[in-house]
Amino acid sequence: MSVAVYLDGITKRFPGVVANDEVDLEVEAGTVHALLGENGAGKTTLMNVLYGLYRPNGGTIHLNGEPREFATPRDAIDAGIGMIHQHFMLVDTLTTAENIVLGHEPRKWGGLAVDRERAEREVRELSQRYGFDVDPEARVEDVSVGVQQRVEILKALYGGADVLILDEPTAVLTPQEVEDLFGVFDELADQGKTIIFITHKLGEAMEAADDITVLRDGKNVGSVDADATTREELAELMVGREVLLEADKDPANPGEVGLAVSDLRVTDDRGVEQVSGVDIEAREGEVFGIAGVDGNGQSELVEAVTGLTTPEEGRVSIHGEDVTGLSRRDRIDDGMAYVPEDRQERGLVMEFDLVENGLLGSQHAQPYAEGGRIDWTETRGHAEAIIEEYDVRPPDPDADAKSLSGGNQQKFIVGREFARDPDVVVASHPTRGVDVGSIEFIHDRLLDLRREGKTILLVSSKLDEVQQLSDRLAVMYEGEIVDIVDPDRVTEEELGLLMAGEIPEDAPSIADSTGGER
């Protein structure tokens, strides 16, 4: 095979940081190549150099054997490179066809108007050529996230891309959509396209890629054949040490009920009931997990538990005290920490630096404030401690939250919330977008809190995560808890049936909300 992309000694510096340190990368044409590494390893920076978003401080880009320089993304696009970013860049109010041809619209009447019929026809033909299921007339705001991603891919292909770069393409997809995306990769590669996808997920790299290159601390530490490597080998390349891929969980020693939810009912803005009579009793010294397909009421349940929304009916209690009517701030004061599902909307103020973000939720409390005045020396020390303990990169307390990668934003939030010394932790997707080394660390910290007798409510769409960490595991479907199971005995197939609203005939003994058996 010929080499489609060759990066020779790429170096990219930012003030105080060497993001890429003389990185070499070789990608064969017509293959799928995974760029694997921890959060902050330099993966996205390297691809932004290839795409023309950044100018390198050193090194050369070769495309199909020819040295190239890209001053802007337009230069890269003209050379046949397309990039699909983690946060899609689509216009929600336009149709899929209008988004795909944007900037390359076919014209009619001597160029005076856009030829919409031709645009829809060409998009339909392009979609069929690559086996995509995209309706050219559907509005982007009305289609699923998986379809939106395909629209982004088709947009790049319509623009003439032969090399496609995808940044963390599975971060917002369901498991089925992930499988569909990997099928798209295979189809594109079979038709001669070259795929480079950025990821920190070992399993995805091994499943979807032909070859894998690992970056660590801005350097290429190795490239391997995906079929000839192991998860353990990749994890050690990523982190630089042996990584425990499964949580080391001691037997539970549950105590009194720390968090109780009784007959909770929550409606959305349209008046539709999203949580229907949920009962939960999570105890001190245990992890009570909640699994389910996204959109089955988990988010609304968590918002009611944490004080972000007010339930229509029911009660939320911490150590027997009714907190249903209390604010989020009051619940923090009562010992509740919260790792939110959406880090950018709920966890951080993106324009604030890490010192300011580290203060959020504690701006009224000692030792960070007294008499209405904030002690910025104490607050800075607090942020620096989180950065050091959770290996947030870059390690700069003055960096704005928006300048960090998603994984490093998540690590900072987890560090801030766990540093509250809480009695109750509500962790919603705590490792979403986080690399394998950080996942190990966050899991260990959750289990440390469990050993200390804290009450942990864990919500996650990762079945392996909730099964490994939970002592009891509830499954939600259409706003109800359909069962509470023993995570050590239930199989993935049985969980899958429960998540679809069916109770398996041969289910293992299943614990009820108070720890008894069904």
Protein backbone atom coordinates (compact mmCIF):
# COMPACT_ATOMS: atom_id res chain seq x y z
CA MET A 1 0.00 0.00 0.00
CA SER A 2 1.04 3.59 -0.55
CA VAL A 3 1.41 6.06 2.30
CA ALA A 4 -1.40 8.63 2.36
CA VAL A 5 -0.17 10.72 5.31
CA TYR A 6 3.35 11.04 6.65
CA LEU A 7 4.14 13.50 9.42
CA ASP A 8 7.88 13.97 9.90
CA GLY A 9 9.10 15.43 13.20
CA ILE A 10 6.04 17.61 13.90
CA THR A 11 6.59 19.97 16.83
CA LYS A 12 3.92 22.31 18.18
CA ARG A 13 4.49 24.59 21.14
CA PHE A 14 2.14 26.74 23.15
CA PRO A 15 3.24 29.11 25.94
CA GLY A 16 4.76 26.89 28.60
CA VAL A 17 3.71 23.64 26.86
CA VAL A 18 5.19 21.41 24.15
CA ALA A 19 2.04 19.75 22.84
CA ASN A 20 3.79 17.77 20.09
CA ASP A 21 7.47 16.90 20.41
CA GLU A 22 8.99 15.81 17.07
CA VAL A 23 6.16 13.41 16.30
CA ASP A 24 6.40 11.02 13.35
CA LEU A 25 3.21 9.41 12.01
CA GLU A 26 2.70 7.20 8.97
CA VAL A 27 -0.77 6.24 7.73
CA GLU A 28 -1.30 3.93 4.77
CA ALA A 29 -3.92 4.79 2.16
CA GLY A 30 -7.22 2.93 2.42
CA THR A 31 -6.76 1.97 6.08
CA VAL A 32 -8.28 2.90 9.43
CA HIS A 33 -5.65 4.30 11.82
CA ALA A 34 -6.33 5.00 15.50
CA LEU A 35 -4.45 7.77 17.30
CA LEU A 36 -4.56 6.65 20.92
CA GLY A 37 -3.46 8.43 24.07
CA GLU A 38 -4.39 9.95 27.40
CA ASN A 39 -6.23 13.25 27.68
CA GLY A 40 -3.70 15.97 26.92
CA ALA A 41 -1.27 13.61 25.14
CA GLY A 42 -1.28 15.82 22.02
CA LYS A 43 -3.57 13.80 19.75
CA THR A 44 -5.98 16.57 18.77
CA THR A 45 -3.17 19.11 18.47
CA LEU A 46 -1.35 16.85 16.00
CA MET A 47 -4.48 16.43 13.88
CA ASN A 48 -5.18 20.17 14.05
CA VAL A 49 -1.72 20.67 12.55
CA LEU A 50 -2.55 18.24 9.75
CA TYR A 51 -5.86 20.02 9.16
CA GLY A 52 -4.29 23.48 9.02
CA LEU A 53 -5.82 24.83 12.24
CA TYR A 54 -2.32 25.17 13.75
CA ARG A 55 0.97 25.95 12.09
CA PRO A 56 3.73 23.65 13.36
CA ASN A 57 6.90 25.04 14.94
CA GLY A 58 8.87 22.29 13.24
CA GLY A 59 8.51 19.26 10.99
CA THR A 60 6.94 18.49 7.63
CA ILE A 61 3.58 17.23 6.39
CA HIS A 62 3.64 14.82 3.45
CA LEU A 63 0.43 13.96 1.61
CA ASN A 64 0.61 11.11 -0.91
CA GLY A 65 4.39 11.46 -0.94
CA GLU A 66 4.44 15.22 -1.54
CA PRO A 67 5.52 17.78 1.11
CA ARG A 68 2.69 20.20 1.86
CA GLU A 69 2.09 23.29 3.96
CA PHE A 70 -1.39 24.18 5.22
CA ALA A 71 -1.81 27.73 6.44
CA THR A 72 -5.56 27.32 6.95
CA PRO A 73 -8.14 24.52 7.01
CA ARG A 74 -9.20 25.63 3.52
CA ASP A 75 -5.73 24.63 2.27
CA ALA A 76 -6.13 21.18 3.87
CA ILE A 77 -9.66 20.76 2.52
CA ASP A 78 -8.48 21.67 -0.98
CA ALA A 79 -5.78 19.02 -0.62
CA GLY A 80 -8.39 16.37 0.22
CA ILE A 81 -8.38 16.36 4.04
CA GLY A 82 -11.59 16.57 6.04
CA MET A 83 -11.97 16.76 9.82
CA ILE A 84 -15.03 15.91 11.90
CA HIS A 85 -14.70 17.55 15.30
CA GLN A 86 -15.96 16.14 18.59
CA HIS A 87 -18.55 18.92 18.81
CA PHE A 88 -20.34 18.97 15.48
CA MET A 89 -20.35 22.12 13.37
CA LEU A 90 -23.79 21.91 11.80
CA VAL A 91 -26.60 24.42 11.43
CA ASP A 92 -29.55 22.85 13.27
CA THR A 93 -32.25 24.75 11.39
CA LEU A 94 -31.01 23.65 7.95
CA THR A 95 -31.70 20.30 6.30
CA THR A 96 -29.04 17.61 6.13
CA ALA A 97 -28.58 18.31 2.41
CA GLU A 98 -28.19 22.05 3.01
CA ASN A 99 -25.53 21.36 5.64
CA ILE A 100 -23.65 18.90 3.44
CA VAL A 101 -23.40 21.22 0.42
CA LEU A 102 -22.80 24.38 2.50
CA GLY A 103 -19.95 26.25 0.86
CA HIS A 104 -20.17 24.08 -2.27
CA GLU A 105 -23.82 24.68 -3.23
CA PRO A 106 -24.82 23.71 -6.78
CA ARG A 107 -26.22 26.73 -8.58
CA LYS A 108 -28.88 27.39 -11.22
CA TRP A 109 -30.13 30.33 -13.28
CA GLY A 110 -26.63 31.39 -14.14
CA GLY A 111 -25.44 31.16 -10.53
CA LEU A 112 -28.22 33.37 -9.15
CA ALA A 113 -29.85 30.70 -6.96
CA VAL A 114 -29.06 27.46 -5.16
CA ASP A 115 -30.27 24.37 -7.00
CA ARG A 116 -31.93 22.61 -4.04
CA GLU A 117 -33.26 19.69 -6.08
CA ARG A 118 -29.79 18.94 -7.44
CA ALA A 119 -28.29 19.29 -3.95
CA GLU A 120 -30.77 16.78 -2.51
CA ARG A 121 -30.22 14.40 -5.44
CA GLU A 122 -26.43 14.54 -5.09
CA VAL A 123 -26.60 14.04 -1.33
CA ARG A 124 -28.95 11.08 -1.75
CA GLU A 125 -26.59 9.49 -4.30
CA LEU A 126 -23.56 10.12 -2.06
CA SER A 127 -25.36 8.64 0.93
CA GLN A 128 -26.33 5.52 -1.04
CA ARG A 129 -22.79 5.11 -2.40
CA TYR A 130 -21.37 4.75 1.10
CA GLY A 131 -24.31 2.84 2.59
CA PHE A 132 -25.44 5.74 4.79
CA ASP A 133 -29.05 6.19 5.85
CA VAL A 134 -29.46 9.96 5.66
CA ASP A 135 -32.65 11.71 4.55
CA PRO A 136 -31.56 14.82 2.58
CA GLU A 137 -34.80 16.64 3.46
CA ALA A 138 -34.67 16.09 7.25
CA ARG A 139 -33.69 19.00 9.46
CA VAL A 140 -30.53 18.44 11.48
CA GLU A 141 -32.31 19.37 14.73
CA ASP A 142 -34.74 16.47 14.17
CA VAL A 143 -32.23 13.65 13.58
CA SER A 144 -30.23 11.58 16.06
CA VAL A 145 -26.65 12.34 17.08
CA GLY A 146 -25.47 9.33 15.06
CA VAL A 147 -27.13 10.69 11.90
CA GLN A 148 -25.65 14.15 12.58
CA GLN A 149 -22.21 12.55 12.62
CA ARG A 150 -22.89 10.90 9.27
CA VAL A 151 -23.94 14.29 7.93
CA GLU A 152 -20.54 15.64 9.00
CA ILE A 153 -18.79 12.75 7.24
CA LEU A 154 -20.86 13.25 4.08
CA LYS A 155 -20.09 16.96 4.21
CA ALA A 156 -16.36 16.17 4.14
CA LEU A 157 -16.81 13.62 1.34
CA TYR A 158 -18.91 16.05 -0.70
CA GLY A 159 -16.03 18.51 -0.38
CA GLY A 160 -13.69 15.95 -1.93
CA ALA A 161 -11.96 14.50 1.13
CA ASP A 162 -9.82 11.38 0.67
CA VAL A 163 -8.38 11.56 4.21
CA LEU A 164 -10.92 11.81 7.04
CA ILE A 165 -9.94 12.78 10.60
CA LEU A 166 -12.47 12.13 13.38
CA ASP A 167 -11.87 13.53 16.88
CA GLU A 168 -13.30 11.26 19.61
CA PRO A 169 -16.09 10.16 17.24
CA THR A 170 -17.83 7.82 19.69
CA ALA A 171 -18.04 10.23 22.65
CA VAL A 172 -21.73 11.03 22.15
CA LEU A 173 -22.95 7.82 20.49
CA THR A 174 -24.97 4.90 21.83
CA PRO A 175 -23.38 1.42 21.65
CA GLN A 176 -25.42 0.59 18.54
CA GLU A 177 -24.41 3.86 16.87
CA VAL A 178 -20.76 3.06 17.66
CA GLU A 179 -21.08 -0.29 15.88
CA ASP A 180 -22.74 1.45 12.92
CA LEU A 181 -19.93 4.00 12.78
CA PHE A 182 -17.28 1.28 12.67
CA GLY A 183 -19.18 -0.26 9.78
CA VAL A 184 -18.99 3.12 8.04
CA PHE A 185 -15.21 3.14 8.59
CA ASP A 186 -14.90 -0.25 6.90
CA GLU A 187 -17.03 0.85 3.97
CA LEU A 188 -15.03 4.05 3.48
CA ALA A 189 -11.71 2.20 3.68
CA ASP A 190 -12.94 -0.40 1.17
CA GLN A 191 -13.61 2.47 -1.24
CA GLY A 192 -10.08 3.82 -0.84
CA LYS A 193 -10.60 6.49 1.81
CA THR A 194 -8.09 6.88 4.63
CA ILE A 195 -9.47 7.21 8.16
CA ILE A 196 -7.63 8.61 11.19
CA PHE A 197 -9.65 8.62 14.39
CA ILE A 198 -8.63 10.04 17.75
CA THR A 199 -9.58 8.03 20.81
CA HIS A 200 -8.58 7.17 24.36
CA LYS A 201 -10.64 3.95 24.38
CA LEU A 202 -8.57 0.79 24.07
CA GLY A 203 -11.38 -1.49 22.96
CA GLU A 204 -12.52 0.83 20.19
CA ALA A 205 -9.00 1.25 18.83
CA MET A 206 -8.52 -2.51 18.72
CA GLU A 207 -11.92 -3.18 17.16
CA ALA A 208 -12.06 -0.48 14.50
CA ALA A 209 -8.44 0.20 13.45
CA ASP A 210 -5.94 -1.58 11.25
CA ASP A 211 -3.03 0.17 12.97
CA ILE A 212 -2.70 2.10 16.23
CA THR A 213 -0.26 4.86 17.12
CA VAL A 214 0.07 5.82 20.78
CA LEU A 215 1.01 9.32 21.95
CA ARG A 216 2.22 10.05 25.48
CA ASP A 217 3.27 13.48 26.72
CA GLY A 218 3.34 14.80 23.17
CA LYS A 219 5.58 12.03 21.78
CA ASN A 220 4.97 9.00 19.60
CA VAL A 221 5.76 6.06 21.88
CA GLY A 222 4.87 3.33 19.42
CA SER A 223 2.77 2.11 16.51
CA VAL A 224 1.31 -1.41 16.51
CA ASP A 225 -0.84 -3.70 14.39
CA ALA A 226 -4.29 -3.69 16.00
CA ASP A 227 -4.62 -7.46 15.52
CA ALA A 228 -1.26 -8.18 17.18
CA THR A 229 -1.59 -6.21 20.41
CA THR A 230 -3.45 -6.47 23.71
CA ARG A 231 -5.39 -4.05 25.90
CA GLU A 232 -2.70 -4.40 28.56
CA GLU A 233 0.09 -3.51 26.12
CA LEU A 234 -1.77 -0.47 24.81
CA ALA A 235 -2.64 0.72 28.32
CA GLU A 236 1.00 0.52 29.38
CA LEU A 237 2.09 2.43 26.26
CA MET A 238 -0.49 5.12 26.98
CA VAL A 239 0.26 5.61 30.65
CA GLY A 240 3.87 4.49 30.94
CA ARG A 241 3.09 1.93 33.64
CA GLU A 242 1.00 -1.17 34.18
CA VAL A 243 -2.69 -0.26 34.46
CA LEU A 244 -5.36 -2.20 36.36
CA LEU A 245 -8.16 -2.47 33.80
CA GLU A 246 -10.72 -3.82 36.27
CA ALA A 247 -11.67 -2.18 39.54
CA ASP A 248 -10.30 -3.85 42.67
CA LYS A 249 -13.43 -3.84 44.86
CA ASP A 250 -13.52 -5.13 48.43
CA PRO A 251 -16.72 -6.75 49.76
CA ALA A 252 -19.30 -4.14 50.75
CA ASN A 253 -19.96 -3.27 54.36
CA PRO A 254 -23.18 -1.24 54.05
CA GLY A 255 -24.45 0.83 56.93
CA GLU A 256 -27.44 3.11 57.41
CA VAL A 257 -29.42 4.59 54.53
CA GLY A 258 -27.52 7.66 53.32
CA LEU A 259 -29.72 8.68 50.39
CA ALA A 260 -33.39 7.82 50.02
CA VAL A 261 -35.78 8.60 47.16
CA SER A 262 -39.47 7.86 47.77
CA ASP A 263 -42.20 7.74 45.09
CA LEU A 264 -40.39 10.37 43.03
CA ARG A 265 -42.18 11.79 40.00
CA VAL A 266 -40.58 14.32 37.68
CA THR A 267 -42.07 15.97 34.59
CA ASP A 268 -40.24 17.82 31.84
CA ASP A 269 -40.94 21.29 30.39
CA ARG A 270 -43.70 19.85 28.22
CA GLY A 271 -45.46 18.31 31.20
CA VAL A 272 -44.46 14.76 30.19
CA GLU A 273 -43.60 12.50 33.13
CA GLN A 274 -39.97 11.37 32.87
CA VAL A 275 -39.59 9.75 36.31
CA SER A 276 -42.52 7.64 37.47
CA GLY A 277 -42.72 6.69 41.14
CA VAL A 278 -39.06 5.78 41.71
CA ASP A 279 -37.96 4.40 45.11
CA ILE A 280 -34.26 4.09 46.03
CA GLU A 281 -32.40 3.47 49.26
CA ALA A 282 -28.61 3.82 48.89
CA ARG A 283 -26.61 2.98 51.98
CA GLU A 284 -23.43 4.20 53.58
CA GLY A 285 -20.43 2.25 52.34
CA GLU A 286 -21.98 1.08 49.08
CA VAL A 287 -22.19 2.07 45.43
CA PHE A 288 -25.78 2.02 44.22
CA GLY A 289 -25.66 1.93 40.43
CA ILE A 290 -28.25 2.94 37.85
CA ALA A 291 -28.01 1.56 34.32
CA GLY A 292 -30.20 2.14 31.29
CA VAL A 293 -30.24 3.45 27.76
CA ASP A 294 -29.81 7.23 27.79
CA GLY A 295 -33.13 9.06 27.78
CA ASN A 296 -35.03 6.75 30.11
CA GLY A 297 -35.28 9.18 33.01
CA GLN A 298 -31.81 8.88 34.54
CA SER A 299 -30.92 12.52 33.91
CA GLU A 300 -34.21 13.81 35.33
CA LEU A 301 -33.85 11.56 38.39
CA VAL A 302 -30.35 12.88 39.07
CA GLU A 303 -31.45 16.50 38.66
CA ALA A 304 -34.23 15.99 41.21
CA VAL A 305 -31.88 14.26 43.66
CA THR A 306 -29.27 17.03 43.39
CA GLY A 307 -31.71 19.95 43.61
CA LEU A 308 -31.49 21.15 40.02
CA THR A 309 -35.19 20.48 39.46
CA THR A 310 -38.19 20.18 41.77
CA PRO A 311 -40.17 16.91 41.56
CA GLU A 312 -43.93 16.92 41.08
CA GLU A 313 -44.30 14.37 43.85
CA GLY A 314 -42.14 12.37 46.20
CA ARG A 315 -39.33 12.95 48.63
CA VAL A 316 -35.51 13.06 48.66
CA SER A 317 -33.73 12.48 51.99
CA ILE A 318 -30.11 12.60 53.15
CA HIS A 319 -29.52 10.58 56.33
CA GLY A 320 -33.25 10.76 57.06
CA GLU A 321 -33.52 14.54 56.62
CA ASP A 322 -36.02 15.67 53.97
CA VAL A 323 -34.12 17.86 51.48
CA THR A 324 -36.74 17.84 48.71
CA GLY A 325 -37.36 21.58 48.99
CA LEU A 326 -33.74 22.58 49.51
CA SER A 327 -31.60 24.33 46.91
CA ARG A 328 -28.49 22.88 45.28
CA ARG A 329 -26.36 25.07 47.58
CA ASP A 330 -28.17 23.77 50.66
CA ARG A 331 -27.58 20.19 49.54
CA ILE A 332 -23.86 20.91 49.14
CA ASP A 333 -23.89 22.23 52.72
CA ASP A 334 -25.66 19.02 53.77
CA GLY A 335 -22.80 16.95 52.35
CA MET A 336 -23.85 16.14 48.77
CA ALA A 337 -21.29 16.26 45.96
CA TYR A 338 -22.36 16.03 42.32
CA VAL A 339 -20.41 15.05 39.20
CA PRO A 340 -22.76 16.15 36.38
CA GLU A 341 -23.48 14.37 33.13
CA ASP A 342 -22.81 17.49 31.04
CA ARG A 343 -19.52 18.94 32.23
CA GLN A 344 -19.72 22.08 30.10
CA GLU A 345 -23.31 23.01 30.96
CA ARG A 346 -23.50 21.86 34.58
CA GLY A 347 -19.96 21.42 35.83
CA LEU A 348 -17.91 24.40 34.67
CA VAL A 349 -18.11 28.02 33.62
CA MET A 350 -16.10 27.70 30.44
CA GLU A 351 -14.86 31.32 30.46
CA PHE A 352 -13.59 31.02 34.06
CA ASP A 353 -10.08 29.84 34.87
CA LEU A 354 -9.47 26.77 37.03
CA VAL A 355 -9.02 28.83 40.19
CA GLU A 356 -12.52 30.28 39.75
CA ASN A 357 -14.01 26.94 38.68
CA GLY A 358 -12.47 25.23 41.69
CA LEU A 359 -14.41 27.64 43.90
CA LEU A 360 -17.83 26.86 42.41
CA GLY A 361 -20.21 25.60 45.07
CA SER A 362 -17.91 26.75 47.88
CA GLN A 363 -17.80 30.50 47.24
CA HIS A 364 -19.80 31.11 50.42
CA ALA A 365 -17.94 28.70 52.70
CA GLN A 366 -14.78 28.64 54.76
CA PRO A 367 -11.86 28.44 54.22
CA TYR A 368 -12.44 30.02 50.77
CA ALA A 369 -14.69 32.87 51.88
CA GLU A 370 -15.61 34.73 55.02
CA GLY A 371 -17.77 37.78 55.55
CA GLY A 372 -18.58 37.95 51.85
CA ARG A 373 -14.91 38.19 50.83
CA ILE A 374 -13.09 35.45 48.91
CA ASP A 375 -9.63 34.35 50.03
CA TRP A 376 -7.98 33.99 46.63
CA THR A 377 -4.74 32.61 48.07
CA GLU A 378 -6.63 29.74 49.69
CA THR A 379 -8.74 29.28 46.54
CA ARG A 380 -5.66 29.12 44.29
CA GLY A 381 -4.08 26.53 46.55
CA HIS A 382 -7.26 24.48 46.36
CA ALA A 383 -7.21 24.52 42.52
CA GLU A 384 -3.51 23.65 42.43
CA ALA A 385 -4.11 20.67 44.72
CA ILE A 386 -6.86 19.34 42.43
CA ILE A 387 -4.66 19.82 39.36
CA GLU A 388 -1.78 17.93 40.96
CA GLU A 389 -3.80 15.05 42.46
CA TYR A 390 -5.91 14.45 39.34
CA ASP A 391 -3.11 15.14 36.81
CA VAL A 392 -5.05 17.88 35.01
CA ARG A 393 -3.23 19.03 31.87
CA PRO A 394 -1.96 21.59 31.27
CA PRO A 395 -1.15 22.04 34.98
CA ASP A 396 -2.00 25.74 34.91
CA PRO A 397 -4.55 27.11 37.41
CA ASP A 398 -4.87 30.26 35.28
CA ALA A 399 -5.97 28.31 32.20
CA ASP A 400 -9.57 28.87 31.13
CA ALA A 401 -11.76 25.77 31.37
CA LYS A 402 -12.58 26.05 27.65
CA SER A 403 -8.88 25.62 26.79
CA LEU A 404 -8.74 22.13 28.34
CA SER A 405 -9.61 18.90 26.57
CA GLY A 406 -12.90 17.32 27.57
CA GLY A 407 -11.16 14.64 29.59
CA ASN A 408 -9.14 17.14 31.59
CA GLN A 409 -12.26 19.20 32.24
CA GLN A 410 -13.86 16.03 33.61
CA LYS A 411 -10.88 15.23 35.84
CA PHE A 412 -10.99 18.72 37.33
CA ILE A 413 -14.72 18.47 38.11
CA VAL A 414 -14.31 15.05 39.73
CA GLY A 415 -11.41 16.37 41.81
CA ARG A 416 -13.37 19.43 42.94
CA GLU A 417 -16.43 17.42 43.95
CA PHE A 418 -14.55 14.68 45.77
CA ALA A 419 -12.50 17.33 47.61
CA ARG A 420 -15.69 18.52 49.36
CA ASP A 421 -15.35 15.55 51.75
CA PRO A 422 -18.98 14.63 50.98
CA ASP A 423 -21.25 12.19 52.77
CA VAL A 424 -23.23 11.49 49.60
CA VAL A 425 -21.78 11.46 46.07
CA VAL A 426 -24.02 11.56 43.00
CA ALA A 427 -21.78 10.64 40.06
CA SER A 428 -23.42 10.82 36.64
CA HIS A 429 -21.18 9.39 33.91
CA PRO A 430 -18.04 10.26 35.93
CA THR A 431 -15.57 8.83 33.39
CA ARG A 432 -17.22 10.02 30.17
CA GLY A 433 -14.49 11.22 27.82
CA VAL A 434 -11.68 10.20 30.20
CA ASP A 435 -8.63 8.06 29.33
CA VAL A 436 -7.79 4.67 30.76
CA GLY A 437 -5.29 5.88 33.36
CA SER A 438 -7.70 8.51 34.65
CA ILE A 439 -10.58 6.00 34.66
CA GLU A 440 -8.50 3.76 36.92
CA PHE A 441 -7.79 6.70 39.24
CA ILE A 442 -11.42 7.89 39.39
CA HIS A 443 -12.67 4.36 40.04
CA ASP A 444 -10.12 4.00 42.86
CA ARG A 445 -11.26 7.29 44.41
CA LEU A 446 -14.92 6.22 44.26
CA LEU A 447 -14.03 2.97 45.98
CA ASP A 448 -11.96 4.88 48.56
CA LEU A 449 -15.06 6.94 49.39
CA ARG A 450 -17.06 3.73 49.63
CA ARG A 451 -14.51 2.31 52.12
CA GLU A 452 -14.83 5.51 54.13
CA GLY A 453 -18.56 4.81 54.53
CA LYS A 454 -19.80 7.37 52.00
CA THR A 455 -23.00 6.81 50.03
CA ILE A 456 -22.49 6.75 46.26
CA LEU A 457 -25.19 6.94 43.60
CA LEU A 458 -23.54 6.05 40.29
CA VAL A 459 -25.24 6.59 36.92
CA SER A 460 -23.40 5.36 33.84
CA SER A 461 -24.15 4.16 30.33
CA LYS A 462 -21.00 1.98 30.49
CA LEU A 463 -22.20 -1.48 31.53
CA ASP A 464 -18.72 -2.65 32.49
CA GLU A 465 -18.33 0.39 34.75
CA VAL A 466 -21.61 0.03 36.64
CA GLN A 467 -21.18 -3.73 36.93
CA GLN A 468 -17.64 -3.46 38.29
CA LEU A 469 -18.29 -0.65 40.76
CA SER A 470 -21.86 -1.22 41.96
CA ASP A 471 -22.92 -3.28 44.94
CA ARG A 472 -26.54 -3.14 43.80
CA LEU A 473 -27.59 -2.15 40.31
CA ALA A 474 -30.95 -0.65 39.34
CA VAL A 475 -32.09 -0.62 35.72
CA MET A 476 -34.29 2.22 34.48
CA TYR A 477 -36.69 1.97 31.56
CA GLU A 478 -39.18 4.65 30.54
CA GLY A 479 -38.86 6.47 33.85
CA GLU A 480 -39.28 3.44 36.09
CA ILE A 481 -36.88 1.12 37.86
CA VAL A 482 -37.73 -2.25 36.34
CA ASP A 483 -35.47 -4.19 38.70
CA ILE A 484 -32.53 -4.02 41.08
CA VAL A 485 -29.98 -6.75 40.42
CA ASP A 486 -26.82 -8.25 41.83
CA PRO A 487 -24.13 -6.86 39.46
CA ASP A 488 -21.79 -9.78 40.18
CA ARG A 489 -24.34 -12.34 38.99
CA VAL A 490 -26.34 -10.66 36.25
CA THR A 491 -25.13 -11.18 32.67
CA GLU A 492 -24.85 -8.53 29.95
CA GLU A 493 -27.65 -10.31 28.07
CA GLU A 494 -29.94 -10.10 31.10
CA LEU A 495 -29.04 -6.44 31.59
CA GLY A 496 -29.80 -5.80 27.93
CA LEU A 497 -33.28 -7.31 28.32
CA LEU A 498 -33.93 -5.26 31.46
CA MET A 499 -32.80 -2.09 29.65
CA ALA A 500 -35.38 -2.91 26.98
CA GLY A 501 -38.08 -3.22 29.64
CA GLU A 502 -38.17 -7.02 29.85
CA ILE A 503 -37.46 -9.10 32.97
CA PRO A 504 -35.49 -12.26 32.08
CA GLU A 505 -37.12 -15.53 33.11
CA ASP A 506 -33.92 -16.96 34.59
CA ALA A 507 -32.69 -13.80 36.29
CA PRO A 508 -30.32 -14.28 39.23
CA SER A 509 -31.43 -13.42 42.75
CA ILE A 510 -32.23 -9.74 42.61
CA ALA A 511 -31.86 -7.34 45.53
CA ASP A 512 -34.67 -4.95 46.30
CA SER A 513 -34.04 -1.35 47.28
CA THR A 514 -33.51 -2.23 50.92
CA GLY A 515 -31.06 -5.04 50.29
CA GLY A 516 -33.44 -8.00 50.48
CA GLU A 517 -33.95 -10.68 47.84
CA ARG A 518 -36.76 -10.96 45.33
